[in-house]
C-alpha atoms as a PDB file:
ATOM      1  CA  UNK A   1     -39.480 241.842  65.412  1.00  0.00           C
ATOM      2  CA  UNK A   2     -36.884 244.236  66.397  1.00  0.00           C
ATOM      3  CA  UNK A   3     -38.076 247.158  64.423  1.00  0.00           C
ATOM      4  CA  UNK A   4     -41.675 246.697  65.637  1.00  0.00           C
ATOM      5  CA  UNK A   5     -40.751 247.047  69.286  1.00  0.00           C
ATOM      6  CA  UNK A   6     -38.446 249.961  68.605  1.00  0.00           C
ATOM      7  CA  UNK A   7     -41.335 251.711  67.157  1.00  0.00           C
ATOM      8  CA  UNK A   8     -43.602 250.749  69.783  1.00  0.00           C
ATOM      9  CA  UNK A   9     -41.736 252.231  72.719  1.00  0.00           C
ATOM     10  CA  UNK A  10     -39.765 255.034  70.732  1.00  0.00           C
ATOM     11  CA  UNK A  11     -38.285 257.362  73.212  1.00  0.00           C
ATOM     12  CA  UNK A  12     -38.557 255.418  76.200  1.00  0.00           C
ATOM     13  CA  UNK A  13     -36.473 253.124  77.858  1.00  0.00           C
ATOM     14  CA  UNK A  14     -37.294 249.339  78.063  1.00  0.00           C
ATOM     15  CA  UNK A  15     -36.408 246.629  80.466  1.00  0.00           C
ATOM     16  CA  UNK A  16     -35.920 243.229  78.751  1.00  0.00           C
ATOM     17  CA  UNK A  17     -36.848 240.214  80.785  1.00  0.00           C
ATOM     18  CA  UNK A  18     -35.316 237.172  79.367  1.00  0.00           C
ATOM     19  CA  UNK A  19     -35.603 233.378  80.692  1.00  0.00           C
ATOM     20  CA  UNK A  20     -32.405 231.388  80.744  1.00  0.00           C
ATOM     21  CA  UNK A  21     -31.465 228.888  79.456  1.00  0.00           C
ATOM     22  CA  UNK A  22     -33.757 228.619  76.166  1.00  0.00           C
ATOM     23  CA  UNK A  23     -33.810 232.714  75.404  1.00  0.00           C
ATOM     24  CA  UNK A  24     -30.435 234.005  75.709  1.00  0.00           C
ATOM     25  CA  UNK A  25     -29.621 233.683  72.357  1.00  0.00           C
ATOM     26  CA  UNK A  26     -32.705 234.914  70.781  1.00  0.00           C
ATOM     27  CA  UNK A  27     -32.812 237.504  73.200  1.00  0.00           C
ATOM     28  CA  UNK A  28     -29.308 238.590  72.715  1.00  0.00           C
ATOM     29  CA  UNK A  29     -29.903 239.103  68.996  1.00  0.00           C
ATOM     30  CA  UNK A  30     -32.958 240.305  69.604  1.00  0.00           C
ATOM     31  CA  UNK A  31     -32.001 243.366  71.884  1.00  0.00           C
ATOM     32  CA  UNK A  32     -29.177 244.223  69.240  1.00  0.00           C
ATOM     33  CA  UNK A  33     -31.946 244.818  66.677  1.00  0.00           C
ATOM     34  CA  UNK A  34     -34.192 247.492  69.254  1.00  0.00           C
ATOM     35  CA  UNK A  35     -32.932 250.959  68.925  1.00  0.00           C
ATOM     36  CA  UNK A  36     -34.614 252.599  71.745  1.00  0.00           C
ATOM     37  CA  UNK A  37     -32.503 252.153  75.231  1.00  0.00           C
ATOM     38  CA  UNK A  38     -32.836 248.698  76.713  1.00  0.00           C
ATOM     39  CA  UNK A  39     -31.873 247.488  79.939  1.00  0.00           C
ATOM     40  CA  UNK A  40     -31.890 243.142  79.826  1.00  0.00           C
ATOM     41  CA  UNK A  41     -32.103 241.123  82.704  1.00  0.00           C
ATOM     42  CA  UNK A  42     -32.067 237.124  83.132  1.00  0.00           C
ATOM     43  CA  UNK A  43     -34.356 235.302  85.300  1.00  0.00           C
ATOM     44  CA  UNK A  44     -34.085 231.220  85.574  1.00  0.00           C
ATOM     45  CA  UNK A  45     -36.984 229.078  86.034  1.00  0.00           C
ATOM     46  CA  UNK A  46     -37.225 225.984  88.245  1.00  0.00           C
ATOM     47  CA  UNK A  47     -40.231 223.445  88.856  1.00  0.00           C
ATOM     48  CA  UNK A  48     -40.164 221.917  91.927  1.00  0.00           C
ATOM     49  CA  UNK A  49     -41.985 219.027  93.817  1.00  0.00           C
ATOM     50  CA  UNK A  50     -43.340 220.592  96.975  1.00  0.00           C
ATOM     51  CA  UNK A  51     -45.410 218.583  99.648  1.00  0.00           C
ATOM     52  CA  UNK A  52     -47.813 220.534 101.205  1.00  0.00           C
ATOM     53  CA  UNK A  53     -50.765 219.293 103.416  1.00  0.00           C
ATOM     54  CA  UNK A  54     -49.909 216.092 102.585  1.00  0.00           C
ATOM     55  CA  UNK A  55     -50.368 216.506  98.940  1.00  0.00           C
ATOM     56  CA  UNK A  56     -47.416 216.807  96.273  1.00  0.00           C
ATOM     57  CA  UNK A  57     -47.529 219.590  93.938  1.00  0.00           C
ATOM     58  CA  UNK A  58     -45.302 221.435  91.350  1.00  0.00           C
ATOM     59  CA  UNK A  59     -44.580 224.647  91.870  1.00  0.00           C
ATOM     60  CA  UNK A  60     -42.466 227.030  89.739  1.00  0.00           C
ATOM     61  CA  UNK A  61     -39.763 229.453  91.370  1.00  0.00           C
ATOM     62  CA  UNK A  62     -37.660 232.153  89.761  1.00  0.00           C
ATOM     63  CA  UNK A  63     -34.213 233.398  90.658  1.00  0.00           C
ATOM     64  CA  UNK A  64     -33.494 237.068  91.092  1.00  0.00           C
ATOM     65  CA  UNK A  65     -36.743 239.177  90.152  1.00  0.00           C
ATOM     66  CA  UNK A  66     -35.820 242.547  88.855  1.00  0.00           C
ATOM     67  CA  UNK A  67     -37.339 245.950  90.361  1.00  0.00           C
ATOM     68  CA  UNK A  68     -39.646 247.020  87.414  1.00  0.00           C
ATOM     69  CA  UNK A  69     -41.805 249.439  89.067  1.00  0.00           C
ATOM     70  CA  UNK A  70     -42.937 252.552  86.557  1.00  0.00           C
ATOM     71  CA  UNK A  71     -40.839 250.764  83.709  1.00  0.00           C
ATOM     72  CA  UNK A  72     -42.124 249.381  80.166  1.00  0.00           C
ATOM     73  CA  UNK A  73     -41.301 245.424  80.329  1.00  0.00           C
ATOM     74  CA  UNK A  74     -40.935 242.726  77.618  1.00  0.00           C
ATOM     75  CA  UNK A  75     -40.853 239.443  78.518  1.00  0.00           C
ATOM     76  CA  UNK A  76     -38.738 237.341  76.243  1.00  0.00           C
ATOM     77  CA  UNK A  77     -38.661 233.337  75.613  1.00  0.00           C
ATOM     78  CA  UNK A  78     -37.939 231.406  72.366  1.00  0.00           C
ATOM     79  CA  UNK A  79     -40.998 229.086  72.498  1.00  0.00           C
ATOM     80  CA  UNK A  80     -44.179 229.897  74.118  1.00  0.00           C
ATOM     81  CA  UNK A  81     -45.714 226.496  74.656  1.00  0.00           C
ATOM     82  CA  UNK A  82     -48.183 225.897  77.456  1.00  0.00           C
ATOM     83  CA  UNK A  83     -48.096 229.525  78.493  1.00  0.00           C
ATOM     84  CA  UNK A  84     -48.072 228.364  82.213  1.00  0.00           C
ATOM     85  CA  UNK A  85     -44.476 229.426  83.161  1.00  0.00           C
ATOM     86  CA  UNK A  86     -44.652 232.459  81.313  1.00  0.00           C
ATOM     87  CA  UNK A  87     -48.068 233.567  82.476  1.00  0.00           C
ATOM     88  CA  UNK A  88     -47.071 232.962  86.172  1.00  0.00           C
ATOM     89  CA  UNK A  89     -44.068 235.299  85.901  1.00  0.00           C
ATOM     90  CA  UNK A  90     -45.811 237.923  84.432  1.00  0.00           C
ATOM     91  CA  UNK A  91     -48.319 237.799  86.833  1.00  0.00           C
ATOM     92  CA  UNK A  92     -45.438 237.976  89.535  1.00  0.00           C
ATOM     93  CA  UNK A  93     -43.653 240.756  87.534  1.00  0.00           C
ATOM     94  CA  UNK A  94     -46.993 242.836  87.394  1.00  0.00           C
ATOM     95  CA  UNK A  95     -46.729 242.985  91.263  1.00  0.00           C
ATOM     96  CA  UNK A  96     -43.933 245.212  90.604  1.00  0.00           C
ATOM     97  CA  UNK A  97     -46.349 247.390  88.893  1.00  0.00           C
ATOM     98  CA  UNK A  98     -44.580 248.082  85.605  1.00  0.00           C
ATOM     99  CA  UNK A  99     -45.795 250.701  83.216  1.00  0.00           C
ATOM    100  CA  UNK A 100     -46.389 248.414  80.789  1.00  0.00           C
ATOM    101  CA  UNK A 101     -45.810 244.594  80.351  1.00  0.00           C
ATOM    102  CA  UNK A 102     -45.583 242.521  76.858  1.00  0.00           C
ATOM    103  CA  UNK A 103     -44.692 239.463  75.878  1.00  0.00           C
ATOM    104  CA  UNK A 104     -42.475 238.311  72.793  1.00  0.00           C
ATOM    105  CA  UNK A 105     -41.370 234.763  71.487  1.00  0.00           C
ATOM    106  CA  UNK A 106     -39.744 233.570  68.540  1.00  0.00           C
ATOM    107  CA  UNK A 107     -41.855 230.550  68.089  1.00  0.00           C
ATOM    108  CA  UNK A 108     -45.443 230.440  69.515  1.00  0.00           C
ATOM    109  CA  UNK A 109     -47.542 227.176  69.866  1.00  0.00           C
ATOM    110  CA  UNK A 110     -51.267 228.397  70.190  1.00  0.00           C
ATOM    111  CA  UNK A 111     -51.959 224.471  70.199  1.00  0.00           C
ATOM    112  CA  UNK A 112     -50.328 223.768  73.202  1.00  0.00           C
ATOM    113  CA  UNK A 113     -51.748 226.604  75.516  1.00  0.00           C
ATOM    114  CA  UNK A 114     -53.249 225.827  78.588  1.00  0.00           C
ATOM    115  CA  UNK A 115     -53.854 229.197  79.912  1.00  0.00           C
ATOM    116  CA  UNK A 116     -55.064 232.489  78.249  1.00  0.00           C
ATOM    117  CA  UNK A 117     -51.851 234.224  77.299  1.00  0.00           C
ATOM    118  CA  UNK A 118     -50.931 235.558  74.004  1.00  0.00           C
ATOM    119  CA  UNK A 119     -47.375 236.666  72.899  1.00  0.00           C
ATOM    120  CA  UNK A 120     -47.911 240.454  71.502  1.00  0.00           C
ATOM    121  CA  UNK A 121     -44.748 240.028  69.030  1.00  0.00           C
ATOM    122  CA  UNK A 122     -43.844 236.655  67.732  1.00  0.00           C
ATOM    123  CA  UNK A 123     -41.583 235.067  64.805  1.00  0.00           C
ATOM    124  CA  UNK A 124     -43.789 232.450  63.595  1.00  0.00           C
ATOM    125  CA  UNK A 125     -46.378 229.816  64.971  1.00  0.00           C
ATOM    126  CA  UNK A 126     -45.441 226.082  64.732  1.00  0.00           C
ATOM    127  CA  UNK A 127     -46.638 222.664  65.378  1.00  0.00           C
ATOM    128  CA  UNK A 128     -46.183 220.755  68.331  1.00  0.00           C
ATOM    129  CA  UNK A 129     -42.808 219.174  67.372  1.00  0.00           C
ATOM    130  CA  UNK A 130     -40.037 219.676  69.782  1.00  0.00           C
ATOM    131  CA  UNK A 131     -37.442 222.319  68.603  1.00  0.00           C
ATOM    132  CA  UNK A 132     -33.709 222.011  69.138  1.00  0.00           C
ATOM    133  CA  UNK A 133     -30.798 224.811  68.324  1.00  0.00           C
ATOM    134  CA  UNK A 134     -30.380 228.362  68.466  1.00  0.00           C
ATOM    135  CA  UNK A 135     -30.411 227.909  72.292  1.00  0.00           C
ATOM    136  CA  UNK A 136     -32.595 225.486  72.713  1.00  0.00           C
ATOM    137  CA  UNK A 137     -31.048 222.165  73.859  1.00  0.00           C
ATOM    138  CA  UNK A 138     -31.997 219.045  72.238  1.00  0.00           C
ATOM    139  CA  UNK A 139     -31.805 215.191  74.471  1.00  0.00           C
ATOM    140  CA  UNK A 140     -29.103 215.634  76.809  1.00  0.00           C
ATOM    141  CA  UNK A 141     -28.934 219.137  76.496  1.00  0.00           C
ATOM    142  CA  UNK A 142     -26.945 219.243  73.685  1.00  0.00           C
ATOM    143  CA  UNK A 143     -27.830 221.582  70.318  1.00  0.00           C
ATOM    144  CA  UNK A 144     -28.324 224.705  71.745  1.00  0.00           C
ATOM    145  CA  UNK A 145     -24.806 226.191  69.727  1.00  0.00           C
ATOM    146  CA  UNK A 146     -26.625 225.049  66.491  1.00  0.00           C
ATOM    147  CA  UNK A 147     -27.015 228.389  64.318  1.00  0.00           C
ATOM    148  CA  UNK A 148     -30.326 227.122  63.568  1.00  0.00           C
ATOM    149  CA  UNK A 149     -33.668 225.775  64.811  1.00  0.00           C
ATOM    150  CA  UNK A 150     -34.573 221.900  63.818  1.00  0.00           C
ATOM    151  CA  UNK A 151     -37.291 220.279  64.552  1.00  0.00           C
ATOM    152  CA  UNK A 152     -37.914 216.563  66.290  1.00  0.00           C
ATOM    153  CA  UNK A 153     -40.757 214.306  66.278  1.00  0.00           C
ATOM    154  CA  UNK A 154     -42.034 213.660  69.888  1.00  0.00           C
ATOM    155  CA  UNK A 155     -41.007 214.894  73.211  1.00  0.00           C
ATOM    156  CA  UNK A 156     -37.738 215.262  74.425  1.00  0.00           C
ATOM    157  CA  UNK A 157     -36.054 211.971  75.404  1.00  0.00           C
ATOM    158  CA  UNK A 158     -39.116 210.069  73.798  1.00  0.00           C
ATOM    159  CA  UNK A 159     -37.374 210.365  70.051  1.00  0.00           C
ATOM    160  CA  UNK A 160     -36.209 207.266  68.303  1.00  0.00           C
ATOM    161  CA  UNK A 161     -32.223 207.263  68.169  1.00  0.00           C
ATOM    162  CA  UNK A 162     -31.559 207.027  64.487  1.00  0.00           C
ATOM    163  CA  UNK A 163     -28.395 206.016  64.021  1.00  0.00           C
ATOM    164  CA  UNK A 164     -27.184 206.983  60.387  1.00  0.00           C
ATOM    165  CA  UNK A 165     -25.903 203.920  58.379  1.00  0.00           C
ATOM    166  CA  UNK A 166     -22.035 204.167  57.313  1.00  0.00           C
ATOM    167  CA  UNK A 167     -20.971 203.110  54.215  1.00  0.00           C
ATOM    168  CA  UNK A 168     -19.971 199.711  53.827  1.00  0.00           C
ATOM    169  CA  UNK A 169     -16.241 199.373  53.692  1.00  0.00           C
ATOM    170  CA  UNK A 170     -13.882 197.303  51.651  1.00  0.00           C
ATOM    171  CA  UNK A 171     -11.835 194.264  52.923  1.00  0.00           C
ATOM    172  CA  UNK A 172      -8.142 193.860  52.284  1.00  0.00           C
ATOM    173  CA  UNK A 173      -9.234 191.461  49.810  1.00  0.00           C
ATOM    174  CA  UNK A 174     -11.302 194.143  47.841  1.00  0.00           C
ATOM    175  CA  UNK A 175     -14.477 192.725  48.790  1.00  0.00           C
ATOM    176  CA  UNK A 176     -17.139 195.177  50.894  1.00  0.00           C
ATOM    177  CA  UNK A 177     -17.366 194.113  54.043  1.00  0.00           C
ATOM    178  CA  UNK A 178     -20.274 195.016  56.228  1.00  0.00           C
ATOM    179  CA  UNK A 179     -19.807 197.838  58.790  1.00  0.00           C
ATOM    180  CA  UNK A 180     -20.794 197.167  62.346  1.00  0.00           C
END
């Protein structure tokens, strides 16, 4: 993916906008593979329940929006799910009138898409399993440090905890005792 991006932007500066927290590991590895000059920006998304006119609705808020007027921009996330957040951010970034705006994702889940957004660059198309590792958090925010991506069935917090069975212990009399 880095080679393809490097070819597409050869001789030009590329402003990479990575979404925290999920994309920090992927973005770091990706920009190291891009050979053209790169400026790296990080934005954080936050979903908030907002009451407006007696109705509650969810709104997406972003931290610092970089000034990208006239620049080539690559929006990076590790997983492109529904596309709602990335689509909203892309539209916000387009307001600053960049020269170009493209999207890169390591994993694309087109079956989960709820808006008309496609990744210009992606590594893998995947099913709707919950992914963990390589910067993606598992239950209770654990697992971002795994050097690989694992798949879990179900949504976060809804996985059944499967406890590994411990081997039987021997009692002092030489008989096997059950482990708890």
